[in-house]
Protein backbone atom coordinates (compact mmCIF):
# COMPACT_ATOMS: atom_id res chain seq x y z
CA UNK A 1 86.94 98.65 51.70
CA UNK A 2 84.49 96.01 52.98
CA UNK A 3 82.58 96.18 49.69
CA UNK A 4 85.80 95.67 47.71
CA UNK A 5 86.72 92.67 49.88
CA UNK A 6 83.26 91.22 49.35
CA UNK A 7 83.61 91.72 45.60
CA UNK A 8 86.95 89.92 45.59
CA UNK A 9 85.35 86.90 47.24
CA UNK A 10 83.15 86.26 44.20
CA UNK A 11 84.41 84.37 41.20
CA UNK A 12 84.36 86.51 38.01
CA UNK A 13 81.89 85.42 35.32
CA UNK A 14 83.36 82.99 32.82
CA UNK A 15 86.17 81.90 35.16
CA UNK A 16 86.71 78.36 36.33
CA UNK A 17 85.78 78.23 40.07
CA UNK A 18 88.49 75.66 40.78
CA UNK A 19 91.10 77.84 39.10
CA UNK A 20 89.84 80.90 40.99
CA UNK A 21 90.05 79.05 44.30
CA UNK A 22 93.59 77.92 43.47
CA UNK A 23 94.63 81.49 42.62
CA UNK A 24 93.15 82.79 45.88
CA UNK A 25 94.94 80.09 47.83
CA UNK A 26 98.26 80.90 46.16
CA UNK A 27 97.74 84.58 46.84
CA UNK A 28 97.12 83.92 50.54
CA UNK A 29 100.22 81.73 50.68
CA UNK A 30 102.28 84.43 49.03
CA UNK A 31 101.10 86.99 51.58
CA UNK A 32 101.86 84.59 54.41
CA UNK A 33 105.34 83.94 53.01
CA UNK A 34 105.97 87.68 52.75
CA UNK A 35 104.98 88.14 56.40
CA UNK A 36 107.20 85.20 57.41
CA UNK A 37 110.11 86.64 55.44
CA UNK A 38 109.65 90.03 57.10
CA UNK A 39 109.58 88.39 60.54
CA UNK A 40 112.69 86.37 59.69
CA UNK A 41 114.48 89.51 58.57
CA UNK A 42 113.59 91.29 61.80
CA UNK A 43 114.74 88.28 63.82
CA UNK A 44 118.02 88.16 61.89
CA UNK A 45 118.66 91.85 62.57
CA UNK A 46 117.88 91.35 66.26
CA UNK A 47 120.24 88.37 66.49
CA UNK A 48 122.99 90.33 64.78
CA UNK A 49 122.59 93.16 67.29
CA UNK A 50 122.60 90.70 70.23
CA UNK A 51 125.70 89.02 68.87
CA UNK A 52 127.52 92.34 68.50
CA UNK A 53 126.53 93.35 72.04
CA UNK A 54 127.81 90.04 73.45
CA UNK A 55 131.11 90.36 71.60
CA UNK A 56 131.57 93.89 72.93
CA UNK A 57 130.78 92.75 76.47
CA UNK A 58 133.30 89.91 76.19
CA UNK A 59 136.00 92.31 75.01
CA UNK A 60 135.26 94.71 77.88
CA UNK A 61 135.51 91.89 80.46
CA UNK A 62 138.83 90.65 79.05
CA UNK A 63 140.19 94.16 78.97
CA UNK A 64 139.16 94.84 82.59
CA UNK A 65 140.78 91.58 83.74
CA UNK A 66 144.07 92.33 82.01
CA UNK A 67 144.08 95.88 83.33
CA UNK A 68 143.52 94.66 86.91
CA UNK A 69 146.38 92.17 86.68
CA UNK A 70 148.69 94.82 85.25
CA UNK A 71 147.80 97.29 88.00
CA UNK A 72 148.55 94.70 90.72
CA UNK A 73 151.90 93.86 89.17
CA UNK A 74 152.82 97.52 88.74
CA UNK A 75 151.89 98.27 92.34
CA UNK A 76 154.04 95.43 93.68
CA UNK A 77 157.00 96.48 91.56
CA UNK A 78 156.66 100.13 92.51
CA UNK A 79 156.38 99.32 96.23
CA UNK A 80 159.44 97.12 96.16
CA UNK A 81 161.46 99.74 94.26
CA UNK A 82 160.58 102.43 96.76
CA UNK A 83 161.48 100.21 99.71
CA UNK A 84 164.81 99.35 98.16
CA UNK A 85 165.68 103.03 97.75
CA UNK A 86 165.51 103.80 101.48
CA UNK A 87 168.92 104.29 103.15
CA UNK A 88 168.60 105.68 106.69
CA UNK A 89 171.03 105.67 109.62
CA UNK A 90 169.31 105.54 113.01
CA UNK A 91 170.25 104.80 116.62
CA UNK A 92 168.61 101.79 118.27
CA UNK A 93 168.41 100.67 121.84
CA UNK A 94 169.22 97.11 122.81
CA UNK A 95 165.64 96.15 123.56
CA UNK A 96 164.68 97.23 120.05
CA UNK A 97 166.97 94.70 118.42
CA UNK A 98 164.98 91.52 117.57
CA UNK A 99 167.55 89.67 115.49
CA UNK A 100 169.62 88.13 118.29
CA UNK A 101 171.33 84.81 117.61
CA UNK A 102 171.62 82.60 120.70
CA UNK A 103 170.83 85.63 122.82
CA UNK A 104 173.69 87.61 121.29
CA UNK A 105 173.94 90.34 118.71
CA UNK A 106 175.26 88.93 115.40
CA UNK A 107 178.56 90.35 114.15
CA UNK A 108 177.14 91.20 110.70
CA UNK A 109 173.96 93.32 110.49
CA UNK A 110 174.09 93.98 106.74
CA UNK A 111 171.28 91.54 106.07
CA UNK A 112 168.92 93.04 108.62
CA UNK A 113 166.43 95.87 108.24
CA UNK A 114 165.05 98.48 110.61
CA UNK A 115 161.31 98.48 110.80
CA UNK A 116 158.64 99.80 113.17
CA UNK A 117 156.41 97.47 115.12
CA UNK A 118 153.36 99.24 113.74
CA UNK A 119 154.65 98.82 110.20
CA UNK A 120 155.37 95.18 110.86
CA UNK A 121 151.86 94.62 112.15
CA UNK A 122 150.50 96.46 109.12
CA UNK A 123 152.50 94.22 106.80
CA UNK A 124 151.27 91.10 108.55
CA UNK A 125 147.73 92.37 108.27
CA UNK A 126 148.42 93.22 104.63
CA UNK A 127 149.42 89.61 104.05
CA UNK A 128 145.99 88.50 105.18
CA UNK A 129 144.36 91.23 103.11
CA UNK A 130 146.30 90.17 100.03
CA UNK A 131 145.22 86.59 100.61
CA UNK A 132 141.61 87.72 100.77
CA UNK A 133 142.06 89.87 97.68
CA UNK A 134 143.69 86.98 95.88
CA UNK A 135 140.79 84.72 96.76
CA UNK A 136 138.36 87.40 95.60
CA UNK A 137 140.20 87.78 92.32
CA UNK A 138 140.21 84.01 91.85
CA UNK A 139 136.45 83.92 92.43
CA UNK A 140 135.96 86.80 90.02
CA UNK A 141 138.16 85.10 87.49
CA UNK A 142 136.18 81.88 87.79
CA UNK A 143 132.94 83.84 87.46
CA UNK A 144 134.24 85.59 84.37
CA UNK A 145 135.30 82.27 82.90
CA UNK A 146 131.84 80.82 83.52
CA UNK A 147 130.28 83.91 81.93
CA UNK A 148 132.66 83.61 79.03
CA UNK A 149 131.70 79.97 78.50
CA UNK A 150 128.01 80.86 78.74
CA UNK A 151 128.49 83.69 76.24
CA UNK A 152 130.29 81.36 73.84
CA UNK A 153 127.47 78.84 74.13
CA UNK A 154 124.87 81.55 73.65
CA UNK A 155 126.81 82.90 70.68
CA UNK A 156 126.94 79.45 69.14
CA UNK A 157 123.20 78.97 69.64
CA UNK A 158 122.51 82.40 68.14
CA UNK A 159 124.71 81.66 65.15
CA UNK A 160 122.93 78.33 64.54
CA UNK A 161 119.57 80.07 64.79
CA UNK A 162 120.82 82.80 62.46
CA UNK A 163 121.92 80.23 59.91
CA UNK A 164 118.54 78.54 60.18
CA UNK A 165 116.72 81.84 59.65
CA UNK A 166 118.96 82.71 56.71
CA UNK A 167 118.23 79.32 55.14
CA UNK A 168 114.49 79.84 55.60
CA UNK A 169 114.79 83.33 54.14
CA UNK A 170 116.60 81.88 51.10
CA UNK A 171 113.87 79.30 50.70
CA UNK A 172 111.23 82.03 50.79
CA UNK A 173 113.14 84.08 48.19
CA UNK A 174 113.52 81.04 45.95
CA UNK A 175 109.80 80.30 46.29
CA UNK A 176 108.81 83.89 45.58
CA UNK A 177 111.41 85.11 43.08
CA UNK A 178 113.08 81.92 41.86
CA UNK A 179 116.50 83.16 42.98
CA UNK A 180 118.29 84.81 45.88
CA UNK A 181 117.88 88.58 46.06
CA UNK A 182 120.49 90.91 47.59
CA UNK A 183 118.42 93.52 49.41
CA UNK A 184 121.34 95.96 49.74
CA UNK A 185 121.97 95.92 45.98
CA UNK A 186 118.25 96.28 45.36
CA UNK A 187 118.10 99.38 47.59
CA UNK A 188 121.14 100.90 45.84
CA UNK A 189 119.56 100.30 42.41
CA UNK A 190 116.33 102.03 43.34
CA UNK A 191 116.05 105.57 42.02
CA UNK A 192 115.69 108.42 44.48
CA UNK A 193 112.91 110.46 42.90
CA UNK A 194 113.26 113.34 45.33
CA UNK A 195 116.96 113.73 44.56
CA UNK A 196 116.32 113.62 40.81
CA UNK A 197 113.60 116.26 41.10
CA UNK A 198 115.91 118.49 43.14
CA UNK A 199 118.66 118.06 40.53
CA UNK A 200 116.28 119.10 37.74
CA UNK A 201 115.12 122.14 39.72
CA UNK A 202 118.74 123.09 40.41
CA UNK A 203 119.58 122.78 36.72
CA UNK A 204 116.65 125.03 35.76
CA UNK A 205 117.64 127.62 38.36
CA UNK A 206 121.24 127.61 37.11
CA UNK A 207 120.06 128.19 33.52
CA UNK A 208 117.74 130.99 34.58
CA UNK A 209 120.44 132.68 36.65
CA UNK A 210 122.90 132.39 33.75
CA UNK A 211 120.47 134.08 31.36
CA UNK A 212 119.75 136.86 33.84
CA UNK A 213 123.48 137.37 34.39
CA UNK A 214 124.08 137.72 30.65
CA UNK A 215 121.22 140.25 30.34
CA UNK A 216 122.63 142.32 33.20
CA UNK A 217 126.08 142.16 31.66
CA UNK A 218 124.70 143.54 28.37
CA UNK A 219 122.98 146.37 30.26
CA UNK A 220 126.23 147.14 32.11
CA UNK A 221 128.17 147.29 28.84
CA UNK A 222 125.57 149.62 27.30
CA UNK A 223 125.63 151.88 30.37
CA UNK A 224 129.45 151.97 30.27
CA UNK A 225 129.42 152.94 26.58
CA UNK A 226 126.84 155.65 27.25
CA UNK A 227 128.90 156.94 30.18
CA UNK A 228 132.02 157.15 27.98
CA UNK A 229 130.09 159.05 25.30
CA UNK A 230 128.62 161.53 27.80
CA UNK A 231 132.03 162.02 29.40
CA UNK A 232 133.55 162.77 26.00
CA UNK A 233 130.81 165.32 25.23
CA UNK A 234 131.28 166.88 28.65
CA UNK A 235 135.00 167.24 28.07
CA UNK A 236 134.47 168.87 24.67
CA UNK A 237 131.99 171.37 26.17
CA UNK A 238 134.39 172.26 28.95
CA UNK A 239 137.19 172.82 26.45
CA UNK A 240 134.87 175.12 24.46
CA UNK A 241 134.01 177.04 27.65
CA UNK A 242 137.70 177.44 28.42
CA UNK A 243 138.36 178.79 24.92
CA UNK A 244 135.49 181.26 25.15
CA UNK A 245 136.62 182.40 28.59
CA UNK A 246 140.12 183.03 27.27
CA UNK A 247 138.70 184.94 24.29
CA UNK A 248 136.49 187.01 26.58
CA UNK A 249 139.47 187.94 28.75
CA UNK A 250 141.44 188.90 25.66
CA UNK A 251 138.59 191.05 24.30
CA UNK A 252 138.15 192.78 27.63
CA UNK A 253 141.86 193.53 27.67
CA UNK A 254 141.69 194.94 24.13
CA UNK A 255 138.60 196.99 25.04
CA UNK A 256 140.38 198.53 28.01
CA UNK A 257 143.42 199.34 25.88
CA UNK A 258 141.20 200.90 23.21
CA UNK A 259 139.49 203.11 25.76
CA UNK A 260 142.87 204.26 27.07
CA UNK A 261 144.02 205.05 23.55
CA UNK A 262 140.82 207.05 22.97
CA UNK A 263 141.74 209.29 25.87
CA UNK A 264 145.41 209.61 24.85
CA UNK A 265 145.04 209.96 21.07
CA UNK A 266 143.33 212.83 19.34
CA UNK A 267 143.38 211.55 15.74
CA UNK A 268 140.35 209.16 15.43
CA UNK A 269 136.90 210.57 15.24
CA UNK A 270 134.21 210.00 17.83
CA UNK A 271 131.99 208.04 15.38
CA UNK A 272 134.73 205.57 14.55
CA UNK A 273 135.58 204.97 18.21
CA UNK A 274 131.90 204.53 19.07
CA UNK A 275 131.45 201.97 16.29
CA UNK A 276 134.49 199.93 17.39
CA UNK A 277 133.28 200.00 20.97
CA UNK A 278 129.77 198.80 20.04
CA UNK A 279 131.28 196.03 17.91
CA UNK A 280 133.43 194.81 20.81
CA UNK A 281 130.49 194.99 23.25
CA UNK A 282 128.24 192.95 20.93
CA UNK A 283 130.99 190.35 20.50
CA UNK A 284 131.39 190.04 24.27
CA UNK A 285 127.64 189.61 24.77
CA UNK A 286 127.48 186.98 22.02
CA UNK A 287 130.27 184.99 23.65
CA UNK A 288 128.62 185.37 27.07
CA UNK A 289 125.36 183.91 25.72
CA UNK A 290 127.26 181.04 24.17
CA UNK A 291 128.98 180.39 27.52
CA UNK A 292 125.64 180.33 29.35
CA UNK A 293 124.27 177.83 26.83
CA UNK A 294 127.30 175.59 27.30
CA UNK A 295 127.01 175.81 31.12
CA UNK A 296 123.32 174.83 30.92
CA UNK A 297 124.19 171.83 28.76
CA UNK A 298 126.96 170.80 31.19
CA UNK A 299 124.55 170.94 34.16
CA UNK A 300 122.07 168.79 32.24
CA UNK A 301 124.78 166.16 31.57
CA UNK A 302 125.72 166.18 35.27
CA UNK A 303 122.14 165.44 36.27
CA UNK A 304 122.18 162.45 33.93
CA UNK A 305 125.08 160.96 35.88
CA UNK A 306 127.99 161.82 33.62
CA UNK A 307 131.36 162.81 35.02
CA UNK A 308 132.74 166.24 34.03
CA UNK A 309 136.51 166.54 33.78
CA UNK A 310 138.16 169.96 33.89
CA UNK A 311 140.17 170.41 30.66
CA UNK A 312 143.44 172.21 30.25
CA UNK A 313 142.72 175.82 29.28
CA UNK A 314 144.42 176.64 26.04
CA UNK A 315 145.51 180.25 26.02
CA UNK A 316 144.82 182.21 22.84
CA UNK A 317 147.43 184.11 20.79
CA UNK A 318 147.65 187.66 22.16
CA UNK A 319 148.19 188.95 18.66
CA UNK A 320 145.00 187.32 17.22
CA UNK A 321 142.12 189.52 16.16
CA UNK A 322 138.85 189.74 18.09
CA UNK A 323 136.74 188.45 15.22
């Protein structure tokens, strides 16, 4: 940094030294004006804060004064109302009566009150206390007025100083920019690079998530179609198994009836009965193998994740032939 500063001190080759000195001087003035403007801005902010604090303090003092006066008035009214509500009949002795007129008891006692000596002393003392409190309130009021006047004077001085600083700030802006610049508008016009970068990242993530969602949706549709196909095949196999089972039962029933007829009838020959029996046995075995193959295929479909639905068994015609 020191080397760079030393290099800046030298006039570039081919440059007028007087012009270079003038440029350096203007640059130093510009830097000084920028520092002065920054100091003025800080001072303006500080004066604004002081002014706001003084205004708040003034409002608090006025509010406290009004509240105190209201509380005193409410207390006096409440005390008088309570005293006026008392209606008590008591018996007094002659030496307790203090309202004699010319040494005699007046004929009308409606305008008199009954009161204890202790209460009377307390009221007399309270009169002195109220006088003292009144004097204290007057002193406080005068003090608050003096503070209020001082605050108004201070506020006026601060406002004049604020105007002076604002005028100097305008002069600096005119000298530097040629016009007044609204700093708040300038801050609002500046682009927030971090927010823009976050918006771009969010947009990319949304696009990526949308593409992934579409791909998963395609896979789900393909899996659903495959599941429907496997379920259909499963159902067809189960229906075939049911048909073969029904046929097997029918053949077994016919075989049993044939054997019973062989015992009861004498007409057919042994060779013919043996041939029919072998034919029926081979047919039963063939159907049993076919059933085993279908069961193996159904188990394989179950392992793949297909659902097997039990079909309605369609019963064969009892009069149909075994072939």
